[in-house]
Structure formats: C-alpha cells, structure tokens
Amino acid sequence: MSLPVSVPKYDDFFEPTWKALTMLGGSGTTQEIYDKVCEIESYSEELQSILHKEGPQTEISYRLAWART
C-alpha cells in the first residue's frame, strides 16, 4: 500500500526557492522558478499535479507564491 502524497509546507519552499534563484542568475520568471524548484527537489509528476482547492493552480505553485513573497 502506498502512502498519500503530501505537499511540503510553504516555508519548506524558502531554501529551494533561494537556490533556484541563485542557479537562475538572481532572477527568473514564475515558471522558471517553479521548474527549477521542482528539479532541485525532485518533485514527482504526481506531486506537481495536486491542485490547490478546485484549481486551476497547483498546490506547489500556490505555496511557491507565498515563498517568493
């Protein structure tokens, strides 16, 4: 039996967001940051597809927005 997929808390995105921005040369579009954070953290497609409430935004995208601010 597999365990349910759990999205990290918004504050768990602070460090990977910082790393992503550093790797992107200090700035990046929202999509570039999203892609780099998912790459750094090796987030599965399943995790990346979890919607925030009814969507259309994903939970990772929603929590990254908080981390970016």
Protein backbone atom coordinates (compact mmCIF):
# COMPACT_ATOMS: atom_id res chain seq x y z
CA MET A 1 0.00 0.00 0.00
CA SER A 2 1.43 3.40 -0.97
CA LEU A 3 1.30 6.43 1.28
CA PRO A 4 -0.64 9.50 0.16
CA VAL A 5 1.43 12.21 -1.50
CA SER A 6 1.99 15.20 0.79
CA VAL A 7 2.95 18.67 -0.44
CA PRO A 8 5.65 20.35 1.67
CA LYS A 9 4.61 23.32 3.82
CA TYR A 10 5.06 26.76 2.27
CA ASP A 11 8.07 27.55 4.46
CA ASP A 12 9.78 24.40 3.20
CA PHE A 13 9.94 26.18 -0.16
CA PHE A 14 12.14 29.05 1.10
CA GLU A 15 15.50 27.33 0.70
CA PRO A 16 14.82 25.67 -2.69
CA THR A 17 13.44 28.98 -3.99
CA TRP A 18 16.63 30.73 -2.91
CA LYS A 19 18.72 28.01 -4.55
CA ALA A 20 16.65 28.22 -7.74
CA LEU A 21 17.10 31.99 -7.93
CA THR A 22 20.83 31.61 -7.41
CA MET A 23 21.04 28.98 -10.14
CA LEU A 24 18.99 31.22 -12.45
CA GLY A 25 21.43 34.09 -12.00
CA GLY A 26 19.46 36.08 -9.42
CA SER A 27 16.08 36.34 -11.10
CA GLY A 28 13.62 34.33 -13.12
CA THR A 29 10.04 34.18 -14.26
CA THR A 30 7.47 32.50 -12.06
CA GLN A 31 7.56 29.46 -14.38
CA GLU A 32 11.38 29.30 -14.42
CA ILE A 33 11.46 29.37 -10.61
CA TYR A 34 8.71 26.72 -10.42
CA ASP A 35 10.55 24.44 -12.85
CA LYS A 36 13.90 24.86 -11.10
CA VAL A 37 12.46 24.23 -7.62
CA CYS A 38 10.74 21.06 -8.88
CA GLU A 39 14.03 19.96 -10.43
CA ILE A 40 16.08 20.73 -7.30
CA GLU A 41 13.61 18.93 -5.01
CA SER A 42 12.91 16.09 -7.49
CA TYR A 43 9.14 16.55 -7.14
CA SER A 44 7.22 13.79 -8.88
CA GLU A 45 4.65 14.46 -11.58
CA GLU A 46 2.03 13.19 -9.13
CA LEU A 47 3.06 15.78 -6.53
CA GLN A 48 3.17 18.54 -9.15
CA SER A 49 -0.36 17.70 -10.31
CA ILE A 50 -2.09 18.23 -6.93
CA LEU A 51 -4.48 21.14 -7.30
CA HIS A 52 -4.98 23.92 -4.75
CA LYS A 53 -8.64 23.59 -3.76
CA GLU A 54 -10.56 23.11 -7.03
CA GLY A 55 -7.75 24.52 -9.20
CA PRO A 56 -6.65 25.61 -11.68
CA GLN A 57 -3.49 26.47 -9.72
CA THR A 58 -1.42 23.61 -8.31
CA GLU A 59 -0.64 23.39 -4.60
CA ILE A 60 3.09 23.70 -5.30
CA SER A 61 2.50 26.84 -7.36
CA TYR A 62 0.32 28.30 -4.59
CA ARG A 63 2.90 27.61 -1.89
CA LEU A 64 5.77 28.86 -4.04
CA ALA A 65 3.91 32.14 -4.42
CA TRP A 66 4.00 32.51 -0.63
CA ALA A 67 7.67 31.57 -0.51
CA ARG A 68 8.54 34.12 -3.21
CA THR A 69 6.87 36.93 -1.29
